[in-house]
C-alpha atoms as a PDB file:
ATOM      1  CA  UNK A   1     -43.848  20.264  55.224  1.00  0.00           C
ATOM      2  CA  UNK A   2     -45.073  23.671  56.395  1.00  0.00           C
ATOM      3  CA  UNK A   3     -45.348  24.990  59.892  1.00  0.00           C
ATOM      4  CA  UNK A   4     -48.431  27.022  60.767  1.00  0.00           C
ATOM      5  CA  UNK A   5     -47.840  30.497  62.106  1.00  0.00           C
ATOM      6  CA  UNK A   6     -49.786  33.203  63.922  1.00  0.00           C
ATOM      7  CA  UNK A   7     -53.295  34.301  62.974  1.00  0.00           C
ATOM      8  CA  UNK A   8     -53.814  36.426  59.888  1.00  0.00           C
ATOM      9  CA  UNK A   9     -54.156  40.169  60.212  1.00  0.00           C
ATOM     10  CA  UNK A  10     -56.766  42.154  58.304  1.00  0.00           C
ATOM     11  CA  UNK A  11     -54.297  43.274  55.624  1.00  0.00           C
ATOM     12  CA  UNK A  12     -53.299  39.683  54.929  1.00  0.00           C
ATOM     13  CA  UNK A  13     -56.932  38.580  54.759  1.00  0.00           C
ATOM     14  CA  UNK A  14     -57.697  41.236  52.154  1.00  0.00           C
ATOM     15  CA  UNK A  15     -54.593  40.255  50.167  1.00  0.00           C
ATOM     16  CA  UNK A  16     -55.479  36.550  50.289  1.00  0.00           C
ATOM     17  CA  UNK A  17     -59.105  37.129  49.324  1.00  0.00           C
ATOM     18  CA  UNK A  18     -58.000  39.235  46.384  1.00  0.00           C
ATOM     19  CA  UNK A  19     -55.530  36.548  45.258  1.00  0.00           C
ATOM     20  CA  UNK A  20     -58.101  33.753  45.555  1.00  0.00           C
ATOM     21  CA  UNK A  21     -60.592  35.921  43.677  1.00  0.00           C
ATOM     22  CA  UNK A  22     -58.080  36.419  40.867  1.00  0.00           C
ATOM     23  CA  UNK A  23     -57.478  32.660  40.782  1.00  0.00           C
ATOM     24  CA  UNK A  24     -61.237  32.106  40.598  1.00  0.00           C
ATOM     25  CA  UNK A  25     -61.418  29.957  43.736  1.00  0.00           C
ATOM     26  CA  UNK A  26     -62.408  32.336  46.528  1.00  0.00           C
ATOM     27  CA  UNK A  27     -65.822  30.760  46.940  1.00  0.00           C
ATOM     28  CA  UNK A  28     -65.537  27.464  48.789  1.00  0.00           C
ATOM     29  CA  UNK A  29     -62.037  28.159  50.155  1.00  0.00           C
ATOM     30  CA  UNK A  30     -61.814  28.088  53.942  1.00  0.00           C
ATOM     31  CA  UNK A  31     -59.583  27.464  56.973  1.00  0.00           C
ATOM     32  CA  UNK A  32     -56.927  29.763  55.545  1.00  0.00           C
ATOM     33  CA  UNK A  33     -53.714  29.903  57.589  1.00  0.00           C
ATOM     34  CA  UNK A  34     -50.328  31.435  57.171  1.00  0.00           C
ATOM     35  CA  UNK A  35     -47.555  28.903  56.551  1.00  0.00           C
ATOM     36  CA  UNK A  36     -43.793  28.862  57.060  1.00  0.00           C
ATOM     37  CA  UNK A  37     -42.165  29.205  53.693  1.00  0.00           C
ATOM     38  CA  UNK A  38     -38.890  30.114  52.029  1.00  0.00           C
ATOM     39  CA  UNK A  39     -37.039  33.405  51.702  1.00  0.00           C
ATOM     40  CA  UNK A  40     -38.859  34.872  48.721  1.00  0.00           C
ATOM     41  CA  UNK A  41     -42.646  34.576  49.025  1.00  0.00           C
ATOM     42  CA  UNK A  42     -45.597  34.486  51.422  1.00  0.00           C
ATOM     43  CA  UNK A  43     -47.396  31.135  51.576  1.00  0.00           C
ATOM     44  CA  UNK A  44     -50.878  30.295  52.817  1.00  0.00           C
ATOM     45  CA  UNK A  45     -52.475  26.915  53.412  1.00  0.00           C
ATOM     46  CA  UNK A  46     -56.183  26.628  52.744  1.00  0.00           C
ATOM     47  CA  UNK A  47     -58.822  23.975  52.224  1.00  0.00           C
ATOM     48  CA  UNK A  48     -61.502  23.231  49.681  1.00  0.00           C
ATOM     49  CA  UNK A  49     -63.893  20.354  49.329  1.00  0.00           C
ATOM     50  CA  UNK A  50     -61.385  18.654  47.021  1.00  0.00           C
ATOM     51  CA  UNK A  51     -58.484  18.868  49.483  1.00  0.00           C
ATOM     52  CA  UNK A  52     -55.731  21.142  50.793  1.00  0.00           C
ATOM     53  CA  UNK A  53     -53.904  23.733  48.720  1.00  0.00           C
ATOM     54  CA  UNK A  54     -51.093  26.268  48.962  1.00  0.00           C
ATOM     55  CA  UNK A  55     -51.428  29.850  47.838  1.00  0.00           C
ATOM     56  CA  UNK A  56     -48.243  31.724  46.955  1.00  0.00           C
ATOM     57  CA  UNK A  57     -48.171  35.505  47.008  1.00  0.00           C
ATOM     58  CA  UNK A  58     -44.837  37.043  45.907  1.00  0.00           C
ATOM     59  CA  UNK A  59     -42.910  38.776  48.695  1.00  0.00           C
ATOM     60  CA  UNK A  60     -41.462  42.271  48.821  1.00  0.00           C
ATOM     61  CA  UNK A  61     -38.812  42.964  46.217  1.00  0.00           C
ATOM     62  CA  UNK A  62     -39.629  39.846  44.202  1.00  0.00           C
ATOM     63  CA  UNK A  63     -40.584  41.947  41.194  1.00  0.00           C
ATOM     64  CA  UNK A  64     -36.890  42.901  40.915  1.00  0.00           C
ATOM     65  CA  UNK A  65     -35.741  39.282  40.993  1.00  0.00           C
ATOM     66  CA  UNK A  66     -38.217  37.065  39.139  1.00  0.00           C
ATOM     67  CA  UNK A  67     -39.726  37.190  35.652  1.00  0.00           C
ATOM     68  CA  UNK A  68     -43.195  35.779  36.308  1.00  0.00           C
ATOM     69  CA  UNK A  69     -44.082  35.297  32.656  1.00  0.00           C
ATOM     70  CA  UNK A  70     -41.009  33.138  32.171  1.00  0.00           C
ATOM     71  CA  UNK A  71     -41.892  31.180  35.305  1.00  0.00           C
ATOM     72  CA  UNK A  72     -45.401  30.513  33.977  1.00  0.00           C
ATOM     73  CA  UNK A  73     -43.908  29.205  30.708  1.00  0.00           C
ATOM     74  CA  UNK A  74     -41.696  26.804  32.656  1.00  0.00           C
ATOM     75  CA  UNK A  75     -44.668  25.413  34.583  1.00  0.00           C
ATOM     76  CA  UNK A  76     -46.546  24.952  31.300  1.00  0.00           C
ATOM     77  CA  UNK A  77     -43.573  22.986  29.949  1.00  0.00           C
ATOM     78  CA  UNK A  78     -43.440  20.809  33.089  1.00  0.00           C
ATOM     79  CA  UNK A  79     -47.173  20.115  33.096  1.00  0.00           C
ATOM     80  CA  UNK A  80     -47.944  16.385  33.130  1.00  0.00           C
ATOM     81  CA  UNK A  81     -44.306  15.316  33.482  1.00  0.00           C
ATOM     82  CA  UNK A  82     -44.590  14.468  37.215  1.00  0.00           C
ATOM     83  CA  UNK A  83     -41.497  16.491  38.042  1.00  0.00           C
ATOM     84  CA  UNK A  84     -43.092  19.078  40.271  1.00  0.00           C
ATOM     85  CA  UNK A  85     -46.197  19.434  42.405  1.00  0.00           C
ATOM     86  CA  UNK A  86     -49.610  19.836  40.752  1.00  0.00           C
ATOM     87  CA  UNK A  87     -50.162  23.474  39.795  1.00  0.00           C
ATOM     88  CA  UNK A  88     -53.826  24.487  39.890  1.00  0.00           C
ATOM     89  CA  UNK A  89     -53.325  28.116  38.878  1.00  0.00           C
ATOM     90  CA  UNK A  90     -50.456  30.433  38.036  1.00  0.00           C
ATOM     91  CA  UNK A  91     -50.541  34.070  36.957  1.00  0.00           C
ATOM     92  CA  UNK A  92     -47.673  35.217  34.755  1.00  0.00           C
ATOM     93  CA  UNK A  93     -48.301  38.883  35.576  1.00  0.00           C
ATOM     94  CA  UNK A  94     -48.572  39.047  39.369  1.00  0.00           C
ATOM     95  CA  UNK A  95     -46.976  35.735  40.385  1.00  0.00           C
ATOM     96  CA  UNK A  96     -49.991  34.339  42.257  1.00  0.00           C
ATOM     97  CA  UNK A  97     -49.774  30.544  42.275  1.00  0.00           C
ATOM     98  CA  UNK A  98     -51.994  27.799  43.711  1.00  0.00           C
ATOM     99  CA  UNK A  99     -50.752  24.226  44.090  1.00  0.00           C
ATOM    100  CA  UNK A 100     -51.989  20.991  45.603  1.00  0.00           C
ATOM    101  CA  UNK A 101     -50.627  20.563  49.138  1.00  0.00           C
ATOM    102  CA  UNK A 102     -48.472  17.453  49.517  1.00  0.00           C
ATOM    103  CA  UNK A 103     -49.596  16.725  53.054  1.00  0.00           C
ATOM    104  CA  UNK A 104     -47.390  13.706  53.746  1.00  0.00           C
ATOM    105  CA  UNK A 105     -44.223  15.152  52.277  1.00  0.00           C
ATOM    106  CA  UNK A 106     -41.053  16.468  53.870  1.00  0.00           C
ATOM    107  CA  UNK A 107     -38.098  18.433  52.536  1.00  0.00           C
ATOM    108  CA  UNK A 108     -34.761  16.818  51.812  1.00  0.00           C
ATOM    109  CA  UNK A 109     -32.731  16.370  54.988  1.00  0.00           C
ATOM    110  CA  UNK A 110     -29.173  17.477  54.239  1.00  0.00           C
ATOM    111  CA  UNK A 111     -27.956  15.315  57.143  1.00  0.00           C
ATOM    112  CA  UNK A 112     -29.484  12.172  55.605  1.00  0.00           C
ATOM    113  CA  UNK A 113     -27.147  11.187  52.798  1.00  0.00           C
ATOM    114  CA  UNK A 114     -29.552   8.539  51.494  1.00  0.00           C
ATOM    115  CA  UNK A 115     -32.127  11.284  50.923  1.00  0.00           C
ATOM    116  CA  UNK A 116     -29.505  13.618  49.500  1.00  0.00           C
ATOM    117  CA  UNK A 117     -28.331  10.951  47.063  1.00  0.00           C
ATOM    118  CA  UNK A 118     -31.906  10.264  45.941  1.00  0.00           C
ATOM    119  CA  UNK A 119     -32.528  13.969  45.337  1.00  0.00           C
ATOM    120  CA  UNK A 120     -29.277  14.505  43.424  1.00  0.00           C
ATOM    121  CA  UNK A 121     -30.041  11.503  41.211  1.00  0.00           C
ATOM    122  CA  UNK A 122     -33.539  12.909  40.668  1.00  0.00           C
ATOM    123  CA  UNK A 123     -31.919  16.176  39.599  1.00  0.00           C
ATOM    124  CA  UNK A 124     -29.681  14.307  37.158  1.00  0.00           C
ATOM    125  CA  UNK A 125     -32.720  12.472  35.710  1.00  0.00           C
ATOM    126  CA  UNK A 126     -34.465  15.799  35.214  1.00  0.00           C
ATOM    127  CA  UNK A 127     -31.438  17.199  33.365  1.00  0.00           C
ATOM    128  CA  UNK A 128     -31.344  14.101  31.169  1.00  0.00           C
ATOM    129  CA  UNK A 129     -34.869  14.910  29.969  1.00  0.00           C
ATOM    130  CA  UNK A 130     -33.118  17.708  28.053  1.00  0.00           C
ATOM    131  CA  UNK A 131     -36.094  20.072  28.187  1.00  0.00           C
ATOM    132  CA  UNK A 132     -35.885  23.344  26.261  1.00  0.00           C
ATOM    133  CA  UNK A 133     -37.347  26.788  26.970  1.00  0.00           C
ATOM    134  CA  UNK A 134     -36.937  30.137  25.200  1.00  0.00           C
ATOM    135  CA  UNK A 135     -35.030  32.012  27.900  1.00  0.00           C
ATOM    136  CA  UNK A 136     -31.644  31.418  29.492  1.00  0.00           C
ATOM    137  CA  UNK A 137     -29.882  32.076  32.776  1.00  0.00           C
ATOM    138  CA  UNK A 138     -26.492  33.691  32.308  1.00  0.00           C
ATOM    139  CA  UNK A 139     -24.796  34.055  35.687  1.00  0.00           C
ATOM    140  CA  UNK A 140     -22.700  37.051  34.626  1.00  0.00           C
ATOM    141  CA  UNK A 141     -25.575  38.936  33.018  1.00  0.00           C
ATOM    142  CA  UNK A 142     -27.596  38.274  36.148  1.00  0.00           C
ATOM    143  CA  UNK A 143     -24.771  39.614  38.343  1.00  0.00           C
ATOM    144  CA  UNK A 144     -24.765  42.819  36.282  1.00  0.00           C
ATOM    145  CA  UNK A 145     -28.549  43.047  36.503  1.00  0.00           C
ATOM    146  CA  UNK A 146     -28.705  42.592  40.273  1.00  0.00           C
ATOM    147  CA  UNK A 147     -25.696  44.802  40.856  1.00  0.00           C
ATOM    148  CA  UNK A 148     -27.367  47.686  39.027  1.00  0.00           C
ATOM    149  CA  UNK A 149     -30.235  47.524  41.521  1.00  0.00           C
ATOM    150  CA  UNK A 150     -28.029  47.946  44.608  1.00  0.00           C
ATOM    151  CA  UNK A 151     -24.821  49.617  43.440  1.00  0.00           C
ATOM    152  CA  UNK A 152     -24.355  52.036  46.344  1.00  0.00           C
ATOM    153  CA  UNK A 153     -25.110  49.455  49.060  1.00  0.00           C
ATOM    154  CA  UNK A 154     -22.788  46.716  47.813  1.00  0.00           C
ATOM    155  CA  UNK A 155     -19.803  49.040  47.563  1.00  0.00           C
ATOM    156  CA  UNK A 156     -19.896  49.257  51.348  1.00  0.00           C
ATOM    157  CA  UNK A 157     -19.046  45.538  51.600  1.00  0.00           C
ATOM    158  CA  UNK A 158     -15.423  44.996  52.578  1.00  0.00           C
ATOM    159  CA  UNK A 159     -13.141  44.141  49.622  1.00  0.00           C
ATOM    160  CA  UNK A 160     -16.153  44.042  47.305  1.00  0.00           C
ATOM    161  CA  UNK A 161     -14.351  45.244  44.182  1.00  0.00           C
ATOM    162  CA  UNK A 162     -11.438  42.860  44.815  1.00  0.00           C
ATOM    163  CA  UNK A 163     -13.744  39.874  45.201  1.00  0.00           C
ATOM    164  CA  UNK A 164     -15.836  40.973  42.234  1.00  0.00           C
ATOM    165  CA  UNK A 165     -12.749  40.976  40.007  1.00  0.00           C
ATOM    166  CA  UNK A 166     -11.877  37.458  41.170  1.00  0.00           C
ATOM    167  CA  UNK A 167     -15.398  36.268  40.404  1.00  0.00           C
ATOM    168  CA  UNK A 168     -15.280  37.839  36.945  1.00  0.00           C
ATOM    169  CA  UNK A 169     -11.998  36.057  36.274  1.00  0.00           C
ATOM    170  CA  UNK A 170     -13.751  32.706  36.755  1.00  0.00           C
ATOM    171  CA  UNK A 171     -15.591  33.245  33.504  1.00  0.00           C
ATOM    172  CA  UNK A 172     -12.854  31.453  31.605  1.00  0.00           C
ATOM    173  CA  UNK A 173     -13.344  28.306  33.692  1.00  0.00           C
ATOM    174  CA  UNK A 174     -17.138  28.432  33.430  1.00  0.00           C
ATOM    175  CA  UNK A 175     -17.167  28.988  29.673  1.00  0.00           C
ATOM    176  CA  UNK A 176     -14.312  26.589  28.844  1.00  0.00           C
ATOM    177  CA  UNK A 177     -15.099  23.467  26.865  1.00  0.00           C
ATOM    178  CA  UNK A 178     -18.395  22.107  25.634  1.00  0.00           C
ATOM    179  CA  UNK A 179     -21.520  22.971  27.572  1.00  0.00           C
ATOM    180  CA  UNK A 180     -24.782  21.032  27.335  1.00  0.00           C
ATOM    181  CA  UNK A 181     -27.576  23.536  27.799  1.00  0.00           C
ATOM    182  CA  UNK A 182     -30.978  22.361  28.979  1.00  0.00           C
ATOM    183  CA  UNK A 183     -33.711  23.583  31.290  1.00  0.00           C
ATOM    184  CA  UNK A 184     -32.198  23.975  34.755  1.00  0.00           C
ATOM    185  CA  UNK A 185     -33.937  24.702  38.030  1.00  0.00           C
ATOM    186  CA  UNK A 186     -31.313  27.283  39.178  1.00  0.00           C
ATOM    187  CA  UNK A 187     -32.596  27.088  42.777  1.00  0.00           C
ATOM    188  CA  UNK A 188     -32.550  23.356  43.671  1.00  0.00           C
ATOM    189  CA  UNK A 189     -32.118  23.900  47.393  1.00  0.00           C
ATOM    190  CA  UNK A 190     -32.961  21.155  49.882  1.00  0.00           C
ATOM    191  CA  UNK A 191     -36.233  22.914  50.764  1.00  0.00           C
ATOM    192  CA  UNK A 192     -37.327  22.640  47.126  1.00  0.00           C
ATOM    193  CA  UNK A 193     -37.075  18.842  47.104  1.00  0.00           C
ATOM    194  CA  UNK A 194     -40.238  17.320  48.562  1.00  0.00           C
ATOM    195  CA  UNK A 195     -40.252  13.616  49.370  1.00  0.00           C
ATOM    196  CA  UNK A 196     -43.613  11.869  49.658  1.00  0.00           C
ATOM    197  CA  UNK A 197     -43.983   8.098  49.933  1.00  0.00           C
ATOM    198  CA  UNK A 198     -40.793   7.505  47.991  1.00  0.00           C
ATOM    199  CA  UNK A 199     -41.636  10.030  45.266  1.00  0.00           C
ATOM    200  CA  UNK A 200     -39.527  13.154  44.816  1.00  0.00           C
ATOM    201  CA  UNK A 201     -40.908  16.473  43.603  1.00  0.00           C
ATOM    202  CA  UNK A 202     -38.757  19.468  42.714  1.00  0.00           C
ATOM    203  CA  UNK A 203     -40.796  22.623  43.383  1.00  0.00           C
ATOM    204  CA  UNK A 204     -40.511  26.426  43.056  1.00  0.00           C
ATOM    205  CA  UNK A 205     -39.303  27.061  39.508  1.00  0.00           C
ATOM    206  CA  UNK A 206     -39.096  30.855  39.782  1.00  0.00           C
ATOM    207  CA  UNK A 207     -35.565  31.139  38.394  1.00  0.00           C
ATOM    208  CA  UNK A 208     -35.640  28.173  35.979  1.00  0.00           C
ATOM    209  CA  UNK A 209     -34.098  28.730  32.558  1.00  0.00           C
ATOM    210  CA  UNK A 210     -31.742  27.254  29.995  1.00  0.00           C
ATOM    211  CA  UNK A 211     -28.277  26.830  31.482  1.00  0.00           C
ATOM    212  CA  UNK A 212     -25.392  24.469  32.095  1.00  0.00           C
ATOM    213  CA  UNK A 213     -26.682  21.675  34.414  1.00  0.00           C
ATOM    214  CA  UNK A 214     -23.567  22.035  36.573  1.00  0.00           C
ATOM    215  CA  UNK A 215     -25.027  25.243  37.957  1.00  0.00           C
ATOM    216  CA  UNK A 216     -27.766  23.232  39.681  1.00  0.00           C
ATOM    217  CA  UNK A 217     -25.164  21.181  41.539  1.00  0.00           C
ATOM    218  CA  UNK A 218     -23.468  24.407  42.595  1.00  0.00           C
ATOM    219  CA  UNK A 219     -26.710  25.968  43.817  1.00  0.00           C
ATOM    220  CA  UNK A 220     -27.591  22.894  45.868  1.00  0.00           C
ATOM    221  CA  UNK A 221     -24.205  23.009  47.594  1.00  0.00           C
ATOM    222  CA  UNK A 222     -24.040  26.721  48.375  1.00  0.00           C
ATOM    223  CA  UNK A 223     -27.528  26.848  49.852  1.00  0.00           C
ATOM    224  CA  UNK A 224     -26.662  23.974  52.177  1.00  0.00           C
ATOM    225  CA  UNK A 225     -23.336  25.693  52.900  1.00  0.00           C
ATOM    226  CA  UNK A 226     -21.417  22.486  52.245  1.00  0.00           C
ATOM    227  CA  UNK A 227     -17.660  22.360  52.692  1.00  0.00           C
ATOM    228  CA  UNK A 228     -15.336  21.157  49.934  1.00  0.00           C
ATOM    229  CA  UNK A 229     -15.375  17.519  51.068  1.00  0.00           C
ATOM    230  CA  UNK A 230     -19.171  17.445  51.154  1.00  0.00           C
ATOM    231  CA  UNK A 231     -19.332  19.254  47.813  1.00  0.00           C
ATOM    232  CA  UNK A 232     -17.038  16.663  46.238  1.00  0.00           C
ATOM    233  CA  UNK A 233     -19.336  13.959  47.582  1.00  0.00           C
ATOM    234  CA  UNK A 234     -22.323  15.635  45.881  1.00  0.00           C
ATOM    235  CA  UNK A 235     -20.390  15.892  42.619  1.00  0.00           C
ATOM    236  CA  UNK A 236     -19.485  12.210  42.798  1.00  0.00           C
ATOM    237  CA  UNK A 237     -23.128  11.269  43.374  1.00  0.00           C
ATOM    238  CA  UNK A 238     -24.260  13.330  40.387  1.00  0.00           C
ATOM    239  CA  UNK A 239     -21.610  11.841  38.099  1.00  0.00           C
ATOM    240  CA  UNK A 240     -21.906   8.359  39.586  1.00  0.00           C
ATOM    241  CA  UNK A 241     -18.257   8.493  40.651  1.00  0.00           C
ATOM    242  CA  UNK A 242     -16.937   9.518  37.238  1.00  0.00           C
ATOM    243  CA  UNK A 243     -16.373  13.267  37.462  1.00  0.00           C
ATOM    244  CA  UNK A 244     -13.150  14.757  36.136  1.00  0.00           C
ATOM    245  CA  UNK A 245     -11.052  17.695  37.319  1.00  0.00           C
ATOM    246  CA  UNK A 246     -12.496  20.117  34.757  1.00  0.00           C
ATOM    247  CA  UNK A 247     -16.067  19.322  35.862  1.00  0.00           C
ATOM    248  CA  UNK A 248     -15.198  19.754  39.527  1.00  0.00           C
ATOM    249  CA  UNK A 249     -13.429  23.073  38.901  1.00  0.00           C
ATOM    250  CA  UNK A 250     -16.407  24.269  36.907  1.00  0.00           C
ATOM    251  CA  UNK A 251     -18.768  23.394  39.771  1.00  0.00           C
ATOM    252  CA  UNK A 252     -16.504  25.299  42.197  1.00  0.00           C
ATOM    253  CA  UNK A 253     -16.504  28.281  39.819  1.00  0.00           C
ATOM    254  CA  UNK A 254     -20.282  28.190  39.532  1.00  0.00           C
ATOM    255  CA  UNK A 255     -20.504  28.000  43.326  1.00  0.00           C
ATOM    256  CA  UNK A 256     -18.347  31.085  43.742  1.00  0.00           C
ATOM    257  CA  UNK A 257     -20.210  33.067  41.087  1.00  0.00           C
ATOM    258  CA  UNK A 258     -23.622  31.915  42.320  1.00  0.00           C
ATOM    259  CA  UNK A 259     -22.854  32.713  45.953  1.00  0.00           C
ATOM    260  CA  UNK A 260     -21.696  36.147  44.795  1.00  0.00           C
ATOM    261  CA  UNK A 261     -25.018  36.538  42.965  1.00  0.00           C
ATOM    262  CA  UNK A 262     -26.919  35.671  46.158  1.00  0.00           C
ATOM    263  CA  UNK A 263     -24.948  38.382  47.952  1.00  0.00           C
ATOM    264  CA  UNK A 264     -26.521  40.839  45.517  1.00  0.00           C
ATOM    265  CA  UNK A 265     -29.899  39.099  45.820  1.00  0.00           C
ATOM    266  CA  UNK A 266     -29.716  39.526  49.594  1.00  0.00           C
ATOM    267  CA  UNK A 267     -28.902  43.194  49.243  1.00  0.00           C
ATOM    268  CA  UNK A 268     -31.931  43.724  47.015  1.00  0.00           C
ATOM    269  CA  UNK A 269     -34.055  42.009  49.663  1.00  0.00           C
ATOM    270  CA  UNK A 270     -32.460  44.254  52.318  1.00  0.00           C
ATOM    271  CA  UNK A 271     -33.356  47.337  50.302  1.00  0.00           C
ATOM    272  CA  UNK A 272     -36.926  46.049  50.034  1.00  0.00           C
ATOM    273  CA  UNK A 273     -37.269  46.058  53.830  1.00  0.00           C
ATOM    274  CA  UNK A 274     -36.210  42.494  54.649  1.00  0.00           C
ATOM    275  CA  UNK A 275     -33.170  41.549  56.700  1.00  0.00           C
ATOM    276  CA  UNK A 276     -30.860  39.176  54.845  1.00  0.00           C
ATOM    277  CA  UNK A 277     -27.610  40.588  56.175  1.00  0.00           C
ATOM    278  CA  UNK A 278     -26.451  37.394  57.885  1.00  0.00           C
ATOM    279  CA  UNK A 279     -27.292  35.244  54.866  1.00  0.00           C
ATOM    280  CA  UNK A 280     -25.536  37.753  52.605  1.00  0.00           C
ATOM    281  CA  UNK A 281     -22.276  37.549  54.531  1.00  0.00           C
ATOM    282  CA  UNK A 282     -22.341  33.741  54.684  1.00  0.00           C
ATOM    283  CA  UNK A 283     -22.733  33.623  50.907  1.00  0.00           C
ATOM    284  CA  UNK A 284     -19.928  36.159  50.556  1.00  0.00           C
ATOM    285  CA  UNK A 285     -17.571  33.853  52.451  1.00  0.00           C
ATOM    286  CA  UNK A 286     -18.613  30.907  50.257  1.00  0.00           C
ATOM    287  CA  UNK A 287     -17.932  32.989  47.150  1.00  0.00           C
ATOM    288  CA  UNK A 288     -14.407  33.801  48.310  1.00  0.00           C
ATOM    289  CA  UNK A 289     -13.635  30.253  49.486  1.00  0.00           C
ATOM    290  CA  UNK A 290     -14.738  28.427  46.330  1.00  0.00           C
ATOM    291  CA  UNK A 291     -13.127  31.016  44.109  1.00  0.00           C
ATOM    292  CA  UNK A 292      -9.841  29.788  45.544  1.00  0.00           C
ATOM    293  CA  UNK A 293     -10.722  26.107  44.919  1.00  0.00           C
ATOM    294  CA  UNK A 294     -11.688  26.867  41.311  1.00  0.00           C
ATOM    295  CA  UNK A 295      -8.318  28.483  40.660  1.00  0.00           C
ATOM    296  CA  UNK A 296      -6.203  25.639  42.008  1.00  0.00           C
END
């Protein structure tokens, strides 16, 4: 699942020791190695007598993007439901998290449609559990929130205000009709689906909140940068072949708005010293493309 990287430097060692000390498991932890992870956090693989574990330390700029207390509440809600990996420790203040390492697992392969179908059906089953939490994810409020953190930088993006207006105009499509709110993952990317011996685990619930389940379909598609035909295939899998035009348009609208949000997310990461320029522009193109599909 994770690819080992270069040796730790002294700063990392101090940071890891401090995190393991906070988690109460420094003593007895050994063979600590940096691991390849996602775009948000630093991950470290380590061993104890009871097995292998992963330590998550939030990356630069994460404090502007993730509410750690809300995340901790979500993990408490999921505890014992066999939806996600086993969480050994999570800190709602600093975001330090320790989980059991699923050694024989692999992430969902977007090129393997059997795996994709299994993961999308797993996502649907999770939504059908109809779990409730006391905070929500509102895509437009989140756009305003992220935008306020990088106002000067984003205005340098070509046609930004034009595209922003188009995205705002999708609100009518997104909010039209009845919406079934439940706990949603918000970031169900292929890398967050772990498959181990036929079991599927959905991990990394940093952004999870109450929302319309259609947003999770949209997020899955934009991260994988799927075209319209592939997106329609995902929608059909989720709805077991029974989606209607309104549902498809709403997914397209969520894709456009969500991709636009990740443009802002990328800019915040850029400001924090990371380089997400290429990812930002790819998401910007997705936002513009699926805005057009939603309006047809």
